[in-house]
Amino acid sequence: MGVAVATALAVAGCTSSPGGAATPAAEQPRNPAAFVQGQPYQPSFDPANFSDPKPNPYFPMEPGVRNVFEGGDERVEVTVTTQTREILGIASTVITDQVFVNGELAEDTVDWYATDNFGNVWYLGEQTAEYENGQVVTTAGSWETGVDGAQPGIIMLADPEQGDAYRQEFYAGEAEDVAEIHALDKTVTVPAGSYDEVLVTEDWTLLDPSVRERKWYAPGVGVVFEETIAGGSGTLSLVEVRTAN
């Protein structure tokens, strides 16, 4: 909180390349939120690139769809709402993510995502709250692009390749999640069905890199399975997809 971090957001139609030269927005790099260990984060992000969004099959955002996950004593409900939130002039999609433990609300998060003209899905921020006995105990981890040095990240690349590493979010000391494309063209079966051509990411936070998980993304659905592979254990499986009638 309160960390003075210079934002690398470009709002005038160009971005800064690692060498400092201006890069026209039309020359969008394949990995615009690349994570390089030890290097400053400089996302190639231009609000002008959101005029004609290209849908991403691995992260569809159809309003009214609710995906329900279960694993152990947890139940997670992720809902694409019909609401939008304007961030730096971009109409981001509002998605809610609620975690229930033994039937009690444990975490309630509102996320803001936007797809650019190339098909990259950007993560523009979140408002999160953790609960105990029905009361909010912390809102740590909340952030918004352009506020207090927070910068956007990628939740899904338009043209992912195995080994790609990218930041999902950046708010120094509060939200520093990173992902890497672990595998492509996998198959997975969960209670909601069997899926092919599945993309798998390995996710972690730089604030605690000992904990790692993998997420399976199915075309046309999004996340269908999650598994903690280091620093803990547990899985979440998609059990139901509800659509608005």
Protein backbone atom coordinates (compact mmCIF):
# COMPACT_ATOMS: atom_id res chain seq x y z
CA MET A 1 0.00 0.00 0.00
CA GLY A 2 1.25 3.45 -0.80
CA VAL A 3 4.25 2.20 -2.73
CA ALA A 4 5.41 4.79 -5.25
CA VAL A 5 5.80 2.80 -8.43
CA ALA A 6 6.03 4.57 -11.78
CA THR A 7 3.33 3.25 -14.04
CA ALA A 8 4.25 2.16 -17.55
CA LEU A 9 0.74 2.63 -18.90
CA ALA A 10 0.71 4.24 -22.32
CA VAL A 11 -2.36 6.31 -23.12
CA ALA A 12 -1.19 8.20 -26.19
CA GLY A 13 -1.07 5.39 -28.74
CA CYS A 14 2.43 4.09 -28.10
CA THR A 15 4.33 2.12 -25.48
CA SER A 16 7.90 1.92 -24.31
CA SER A 17 10.04 -0.94 -25.48
CA PRO A 18 12.82 -2.33 -23.23
CA GLY A 19 15.29 -0.12 -25.12
CA GLY A 20 13.25 2.98 -24.44
CA ALA A 21 12.06 3.54 -28.02
CA ALA A 22 8.43 4.17 -28.82
CA THR A 23 6.54 1.18 -30.18
CA PRO A 24 3.39 1.90 -32.24
CA ALA A 25 0.28 0.24 -30.85
CA ALA A 26 -0.11 -1.72 -34.11
CA GLU A 27 3.11 -3.58 -33.30
CA GLN A 28 1.62 -5.27 -30.25
CA PRO A 29 4.06 -7.94 -28.97
CA ARG A 30 2.82 -11.50 -28.70
CA ASN A 31 3.37 -11.43 -24.92
CA PRO A 32 2.50 -7.85 -23.89
CA ALA A 33 2.82 -8.48 -20.13
CA ALA A 34 6.01 -10.54 -20.19
CA PHE A 35 7.57 -11.51 -16.86
CA VAL A 36 11.36 -11.49 -16.80
CA GLN A 37 12.96 -12.25 -13.44
CA GLY A 38 14.82 -9.22 -12.11
CA GLN A 39 13.58 -6.87 -14.83
CA PRO A 40 11.21 -3.91 -14.34
CA TYR A 41 7.65 -4.61 -15.42
CA GLN A 42 6.72 -2.66 -18.55
CA PRO A 43 3.44 -3.94 -20.01
CA SER A 44 2.66 -2.99 -23.59
CA PHE A 45 -0.77 -1.64 -22.72
CA ASP A 46 -2.70 0.99 -24.67
CA PRO A 47 -6.38 1.80 -23.94
CA ALA A 48 -6.77 2.61 -27.65
CA ASN A 49 -6.38 -1.11 -28.38
CA PHE A 50 -9.79 -1.95 -26.89
CA SER A 51 -12.02 -0.42 -29.58
CA ASP A 52 -12.88 -3.75 -31.27
CA PRO A 53 -12.25 -6.63 -28.83
CA LYS A 54 -11.45 -10.04 -30.28
CA PRO A 55 -12.90 -12.85 -28.12
CA ASN A 56 -10.48 -15.29 -26.51
CA PRO A 57 -11.75 -18.92 -26.52
CA TYR A 58 -9.87 -19.82 -23.33
CA PHE A 59 -11.44 -16.97 -21.36
CA PRO A 60 -14.97 -16.39 -22.67
CA MET A 61 -16.96 -13.73 -20.87
CA GLU A 62 -20.58 -14.37 -21.78
CA PRO A 63 -22.84 -12.32 -19.50
CA GLY A 64 -25.03 -14.43 -17.25
CA VAL A 65 -22.84 -17.54 -17.21
CA ARG A 66 -22.01 -18.98 -13.80
CA ASN A 67 -19.36 -21.69 -13.37
CA VAL A 68 -19.53 -23.72 -10.16
CA PHE A 69 -16.49 -25.53 -8.76
CA GLU A 70 -16.11 -27.95 -5.86
CA GLY A 71 -13.17 -29.49 -4.05
CA GLY A 72 -12.84 -30.75 -0.49
CA ASP A 73 -14.89 -28.46 1.76
CA GLU A 74 -14.85 -25.61 -0.79
CA ARG A 75 -17.41 -24.45 -3.29
CA VAL A 76 -16.58 -21.62 -5.70
CA GLU A 77 -19.06 -19.72 -7.87
CA VAL A 78 -17.71 -17.53 -10.68
CA THR A 79 -20.30 -15.35 -12.42
CA VAL A 80 -19.95 -13.16 -15.50
CA THR A 81 -22.26 -10.27 -14.72
CA THR A 82 -23.99 -7.90 -17.13
CA GLN A 83 -22.19 -4.99 -15.48
CA THR A 84 -19.15 -3.10 -16.72
CA ARG A 85 -16.69 -0.80 -14.97
CA GLU A 86 -14.80 1.93 -16.80
CA ILE A 87 -11.08 1.86 -16.09
CA LEU A 88 -8.84 4.27 -18.03
CA GLY A 89 -11.66 4.65 -20.53
CA ILE A 90 -12.00 0.88 -21.04
CA ALA A 91 -15.35 -0.80 -20.37
CA SER A 92 -14.17 -3.80 -18.37
CA THR A 93 -16.37 -6.83 -17.68
CA VAL A 94 -17.33 -7.35 -14.05
CA ILE A 95 -16.93 -10.95 -12.85
CA THR A 96 -17.71 -12.07 -9.31
CA ASP A 97 -15.85 -14.89 -7.55
CA GLN A 98 -17.29 -16.22 -4.30
CA VAL A 99 -15.63 -18.90 -2.16
CA PHE A 100 -17.68 -20.87 0.36
CA VAL A 101 -16.09 -23.16 2.97
CA ASN A 102 -18.46 -25.65 4.59
CA GLY A 103 -21.30 -23.55 3.23
CA GLU A 104 -20.10 -20.27 4.76
CA LEU A 105 -18.89 -17.34 2.65
CA ALA A 106 -15.10 -17.10 3.03
CA GLU A 107 -14.12 -14.75 0.21
CA ASP A 108 -16.05 -12.40 -2.05
CA THR A 109 -14.19 -10.85 -4.99
CA VAL A 110 -15.19 -8.58 -7.85
CA ASP A 111 -12.75 -8.79 -10.78
CA TRP A 112 -12.43 -6.49 -13.81
CA TYR A 113 -11.33 -7.96 -17.15
CA ALA A 114 -11.14 -6.59 -20.69
CA THR A 115 -10.21 -8.18 -24.01
CA ASP A 116 -8.15 -6.13 -26.46
CA ASN A 117 -8.34 -6.00 -30.25
CA PHE A 118 -5.75 -8.78 -30.52
CA GLY A 119 -7.54 -11.24 -28.21
CA ASN A 120 -5.44 -10.78 -25.07
CA VAL A 121 -7.55 -10.78 -21.91
CA TRP A 122 -6.26 -8.15 -19.50
CA TYR A 123 -6.79 -8.16 -15.75
CA LEU A 124 -7.48 -4.57 -14.69
CA GLY A 125 -8.06 -5.00 -10.98
CA GLU A 126 -10.13 -6.49 -8.21
CA GLN A 127 -12.01 -5.61 -5.07
CA THR A 128 -11.70 -8.49 -2.64
CA ALA A 129 -12.84 -9.24 0.89
CA GLU A 130 -12.20 -12.20 3.18
CA TYR A 131 -14.78 -13.20 5.76
CA GLU A 132 -14.81 -14.88 9.16
CA ASN A 133 -18.08 -15.53 11.00
CA GLY A 134 -19.90 -13.37 8.48
CA GLN A 135 -17.64 -10.35 9.01
CA VAL A 136 -15.02 -8.85 6.67
CA VAL A 137 -11.57 -9.36 8.18
CA THR A 138 -9.38 -8.02 5.36
CA THR A 139 -9.53 -6.45 1.93
CA ALA A 140 -5.78 -6.88 1.30
CA GLY A 141 -4.95 -7.59 -2.31
CA SER A 142 -7.47 -5.17 -3.78
CA TRP A 143 -6.09 -3.01 -6.59
CA GLU A 144 -7.07 -1.05 -9.71
CA THR A 145 -5.04 -0.28 -12.81
CA GLY A 146 -3.70 3.27 -12.74
CA VAL A 147 -4.28 3.76 -9.02
CA ASP A 148 -1.28 4.07 -6.67
CA GLY A 149 1.10 2.63 -9.25
CA ALA A 150 -0.91 -0.51 -9.98
CA GLN A 151 -0.49 -1.89 -13.49
CA PRO A 152 -2.56 -4.35 -15.54
CA GLY A 153 -1.63 -7.91 -16.33
CA ILE A 154 -2.74 -10.69 -18.65
CA ILE A 155 -5.10 -13.45 -17.54
CA MET A 156 -4.96 -15.17 -20.97
CA LEU A 157 -2.75 -14.53 -23.97
CA ALA A 158 -4.21 -14.30 -27.47
CA ASP A 159 -1.46 -16.48 -28.94
CA PRO A 160 0.00 -18.56 -26.09
CA GLU A 161 3.05 -20.73 -26.54
CA GLN A 162 4.53 -23.22 -24.09
CA GLY A 163 6.99 -21.48 -21.78
CA ASP A 164 5.46 -18.00 -22.05
CA ALA A 165 5.66 -16.28 -18.67
CA TYR A 166 3.59 -13.20 -17.91
CA ARG A 167 2.34 -11.08 -15.05
CA GLN A 168 -1.32 -11.41 -14.24
CA GLU A 169 -1.39 -8.35 -11.99
CA PHE A 170 0.95 -5.81 -10.45
CA TYR A 171 0.45 -3.78 -7.30
CA ALA A 172 3.78 -3.84 -5.51
CA GLY A 173 3.70 -5.75 -2.23
CA GLU A 174 -0.02 -6.51 -2.52
CA ALA A 175 -0.82 -8.24 -5.82
CA GLU A 176 2.00 -9.81 -7.82
CA ASP A 177 0.64 -12.95 -9.47
CA VAL A 178 2.54 -14.56 -12.35
CA ALA A 179 1.66 -17.35 -14.76
CA GLU A 180 3.51 -19.54 -17.27
CA ILE A 181 2.09 -21.63 -20.09
CA HIS A 182 2.85 -25.16 -18.92
CA ALA A 183 1.19 -27.21 -21.66
CA LEU A 184 -1.10 -27.05 -24.68
CA ASP A 185 -3.56 -29.49 -26.26
CA LYS A 186 -4.29 -31.54 -23.12
CA THR A 187 -7.40 -33.53 -22.21
CA VAL A 188 -9.16 -33.46 -18.85
CA THR A 189 -12.34 -34.93 -17.41
CA VAL A 190 -14.24 -33.28 -14.55
CA PRO A 191 -17.83 -33.70 -13.27
CA ALA A 192 -19.08 -31.10 -15.77
CA GLY A 193 -17.69 -33.05 -18.74
CA SER A 194 -14.62 -34.04 -20.76
CA TYR A 195 -12.60 -31.41 -22.59
CA ASP A 196 -9.95 -31.51 -25.33
CA GLU A 197 -7.44 -28.93 -26.58
CA VAL A 198 -6.99 -27.79 -22.98
CA LEU A 199 -4.36 -25.18 -22.11
CA VAL A 200 -2.56 -25.55 -18.76
CA THR A 201 -0.92 -22.71 -16.84
CA GLU A 202 1.28 -22.81 -13.77
CA ASP A 203 0.48 -19.90 -11.44
CA TRP A 204 2.21 -18.42 -8.43
CA THR A 205 2.68 -15.13 -6.60
CA LEU A 206 6.05 -13.45 -6.23
CA LEU A 207 5.01 -12.60 -2.68
CA ASP A 208 5.12 -16.34 -1.79
CA PRO A 209 6.68 -18.31 -4.68
CA SER A 210 6.74 -21.56 -2.67
CA VAL A 211 3.02 -22.05 -3.41
CA ARG A 212 2.16 -23.10 -6.96
CA GLU A 213 -0.94 -24.29 -8.71
CA ARG A 214 -1.94 -25.38 -12.20
CA LYS A 215 -5.11 -24.38 -14.02
CA TRP A 216 -6.71 -26.18 -16.96
CA TYR A 217 -8.52 -23.91 -19.46
CA ALA A 218 -10.94 -25.47 -21.96
CA PRO A 219 -11.96 -23.67 -25.17
CA GLY A 220 -15.36 -22.06 -24.90
CA VAL A 221 -15.52 -22.64 -21.14
CA GLY A 222 -12.46 -21.26 -19.35
CA VAL A 223 -11.07 -22.83 -16.18
CA VAL A 224 -12.33 -26.38 -15.62
CA PHE A 225 -9.79 -27.73 -13.12
CA GLU A 226 -7.29 -26.37 -10.59
CA GLU A 227 -4.66 -28.21 -8.59
CA THR A 228 -2.16 -27.04 -5.96
CA ILE A 229 1.16 -28.71 -6.81
CA ALA A 230 3.53 -27.09 -4.28
CA GLY A 231 3.20 -25.48 -0.87
CA GLY A 232 -0.08 -27.21 -0.14
CA SER A 233 -2.62 -29.56 -1.64
CA GLY A 234 -6.13 -29.54 -2.99
CA THR A 235 -8.11 -29.45 -6.21
CA LEU A 236 -11.13 -27.65 -7.61
CA SER A 237 -13.22 -29.19 -10.39
CA LEU A 238 -15.92 -27.66 -12.54
CA VAL A 239 -19.18 -29.34 -11.58
CA GLU A 240 -21.76 -27.16 -13.29
CA VAL A 241 -22.13 -24.44 -15.90
CA ARG A 242 -25.25 -22.34 -15.50
CA THR A 243 -26.41 -20.09 -18.31
CA ALA A 244 -28.86 -17.22 -18.22
CA ASN A 245 -32.26 -18.01 -19.72
